[in-house]
Each structure stands twice: as C-alpha cells, then as structure tokens.
Amino acid sequence: MTPFPSFPLNGEGEWSVFMKRETKKPLDEQRRIIAYLDGLQAKVNALRDLQSTSGEELSALMPSILDKAFKGEL
C-alpha cells in the first residue's frame, strides 16, 4: 500500500482530478493583478534606492561623528 492516494491519469500522463478545476483567471483580472504587482515592484525599487542613499550618507557621516567623539565635542 502506498502512502499516496491513487488518482487515474489522463491520456497525457497528468492527474485527471486536477484537470477538472478551472485555474485561469479572466484576462481583465490578470491585467489588474499585473498592474498591482507592477506598483509593488515600483515601491520596492524606490525603497531600495532610498536605502542605498541612506547607507551612503551614513558612511559619509561616520568619520565626522567619530572625529568629534574622539575630540570630546559630542
């Protein structure tokens, strides 16, 4: 006895039980999802740019802060 249930295969070697469900979304819904994901990708790209800029600014500021700390000016 196998631990997996046996499902009949269709003629193309795929599980026929899975072929009964409709998995495609209507084209207008696909376009809406793509637009949403494109918007999320734009936000991610903007955040990456901001993070990169912040890192560069911090790297440029660190020597000045350390210099003042060692001189007792903080």
C-alpha atoms as a PDB file:
ATOM      1  CA  MET A   1       0.000   0.000   0.000  1.00  0.00           C
ATOM      2  CA  THR A   2       1.380   3.424  -0.946  1.00  0.00           C
ATOM      3  CA  PRO A   3       1.077   6.461   1.326  1.00  0.00           C
ATOM      4  CA  PHE A   4      -0.414   8.485  -1.530  1.00  0.00           C
ATOM      5  CA  PRO A   5      -3.914   8.063  -2.929  1.00  0.00           C
ATOM      6  CA  SER A   6      -4.000   6.807  -6.469  1.00  0.00           C
ATOM      7  CA  PHE A   7      -5.686   9.086  -8.973  1.00  0.00           C
ATOM      8  CA  PRO A   8      -6.368   7.986 -12.508  1.00  0.00           C
ATOM      9  CA  LEU A   9      -4.105   9.525 -15.131  1.00  0.00           C
ATOM     10  CA  ASN A  10      -5.474  11.092 -18.263  1.00  0.00           C
ATOM     11  CA  GLY A  11      -4.027  10.180 -21.642  1.00  0.00           C
ATOM     12  CA  GLU A  12      -1.235  12.748 -21.314  1.00  0.00           C
ATOM     13  CA  GLY A  13       0.155  11.375 -18.046  1.00  0.00           C
ATOM     14  CA  GLU A  14      -1.386  14.112 -15.875  1.00  0.00           C
ATOM     15  CA  TRP A  15      -3.689  13.637 -12.935  1.00  0.00           C
ATOM     16  CA  SER A  16      -7.218  13.822 -14.271  1.00  0.00           C
ATOM     17  CA  VAL A  17      -8.557  15.011 -10.902  1.00  0.00           C
ATOM     18  CA  PHE A  18      -6.558  18.230 -11.304  1.00  0.00           C
ATOM     19  CA  MET A  19      -7.779  18.788 -14.839  1.00  0.00           C
ATOM     20  CA  LYS A  20     -11.350  19.296 -13.640  1.00  0.00           C
ATOM     21  CA  ARG A  21     -10.673  22.638 -11.943  1.00  0.00           C
ATOM     22  CA  GLU A  22     -10.551  25.857 -13.945  1.00  0.00           C
ATOM     23  CA  THR A  23      -7.413  27.697 -12.812  1.00  0.00           C
ATOM     24  CA  LYS A  24      -7.222  30.534 -15.310  1.00  0.00           C
ATOM     25  CA  LYS A  25      -8.408  33.968 -14.233  1.00  0.00           C
ATOM     26  CA  PRO A  26     -10.274  36.219 -16.676  1.00  0.00           C
ATOM     27  CA  LEU A  27      -7.976  38.437 -18.719  1.00  0.00           C
ATOM     28  CA  ASP A  28      -9.152  41.683 -17.086  1.00  0.00           C
ATOM     29  CA  GLU A  29      -8.407  40.243 -13.636  1.00  0.00           C
ATOM     30  CA  GLN A  30      -4.964  39.100 -14.813  1.00  0.00           C
ATOM     31  CA  ARG A  31      -4.262  42.640 -16.011  1.00  0.00           C
ATOM     32  CA  ARG A  32      -5.441  44.070 -12.679  1.00  0.00           C
ATOM     33  CA  ILE A  33      -3.130  41.700 -10.790  1.00  0.00           C
ATOM     34  CA  ILE A  34      -0.206  42.594 -13.056  1.00  0.00           C
ATOM     35  CA  ALA A  35      -0.824  46.310 -12.532  1.00  0.00           C
ATOM     36  CA  TYR A  36      -0.913  45.765  -8.767  1.00  0.00           C
ATOM     37  CA  LEU A  37       2.329  43.774  -8.823  1.00  0.00           C
ATOM     38  CA  ASP A  38       3.983  46.392 -11.053  1.00  0.00           C
ATOM     39  CA  GLY A  39       3.013  49.039  -8.484  1.00  0.00           C
ATOM     40  CA  LEU A  40       4.502  46.948  -5.677  1.00  0.00           C
ATOM     41  CA  GLN A  41       7.698  46.465  -7.677  1.00  0.00           C
ATOM     42  CA  ALA A  42       7.984  50.236  -8.183  1.00  0.00           C
ATOM     43  CA  LYS A  43       7.640  50.751  -4.416  1.00  0.00           C
ATOM     44  CA  VAL A  44      10.292  48.103  -3.720  1.00  0.00           C
ATOM     45  CA  ASN A  45      12.653  49.764  -6.200  1.00  0.00           C
ATOM     46  CA  ALA A  46      12.068  53.176  -4.596  1.00  0.00           C
ATOM     47  CA  LEU A  47      12.774  51.741  -1.141  1.00  0.00           C
ATOM     48  CA  ARG A  48      15.976  50.111  -2.387  1.00  0.00           C
ATOM     49  CA  ASP A  49      17.137  53.422  -3.818  1.00  0.00           C
ATOM     50  CA  LEU A  50      16.314  55.190  -0.548  1.00  0.00           C
ATOM     51  CA  GLN A  51      18.130  52.531   1.460  1.00  0.00           C
ATOM     52  CA  SER A  52      21.183  52.837  -0.769  1.00  0.00           C
ATOM     53  CA  THR A  53      21.193  56.629  -0.441  1.00  0.00           C
ATOM     54  CA  SER A  54      20.794  56.422   3.339  1.00  0.00           C
ATOM     55  CA  GLY A  55      23.684  53.969   3.559  1.00  0.00           C
ATOM     56  CA  GLU A  56      25.922  56.251   1.524  1.00  0.00           C
ATOM     57  CA  GLU A  57      25.011  59.246   3.690  1.00  0.00           C
ATOM     58  CA  LEU A  58      25.695  57.274   6.856  1.00  0.00           C
ATOM     59  CA  SER A  59      29.056  56.128   5.540  1.00  0.00           C
ATOM     60  CA  ALA A  60      29.993  59.732   4.744  1.00  0.00           C
ATOM     61  CA  LEU A  61      28.815  60.969   8.172  1.00  0.00           C
ATOM     62  CA  MET A  62      30.501  58.307  10.302  1.00  0.00           C
ATOM     63  CA  PRO A  63      34.087  59.676  10.095  1.00  0.00           C
ATOM     64  CA  SER A  64      32.882  63.112  11.177  1.00  0.00           C
ATOM     65  CA  ILE A  65      30.974  61.701  14.140  1.00  0.00           C
ATOM     66  CA  LEU A  66      33.921  59.585  15.223  1.00  0.00           C
ATOM     67  CA  ASP A  67      36.271  62.551  14.910  1.00  0.00           C
ATOM     68  CA  LYS A  68      34.053  64.693  17.163  1.00  0.00           C
ATOM     69  CA  ALA A  69      33.644  61.807  19.635  1.00  0.00           C
ATOM     70  CA  PHE A  70      37.388  61.356  20.000  1.00  0.00           C
ATOM     71  CA  LYS A  71      37.906  65.109  20.397  1.00  0.00           C
ATOM     72  CA  GLY A  72      35.253  65.196  23.130  1.00  0.00           C
ATOM     73  CA  GLU A  73      32.988  67.512  21.190  1.00  0.00           C
ATOM     74  CA  LEU A  74      29.864  65.349  21.468  1.00  0.00           C
END
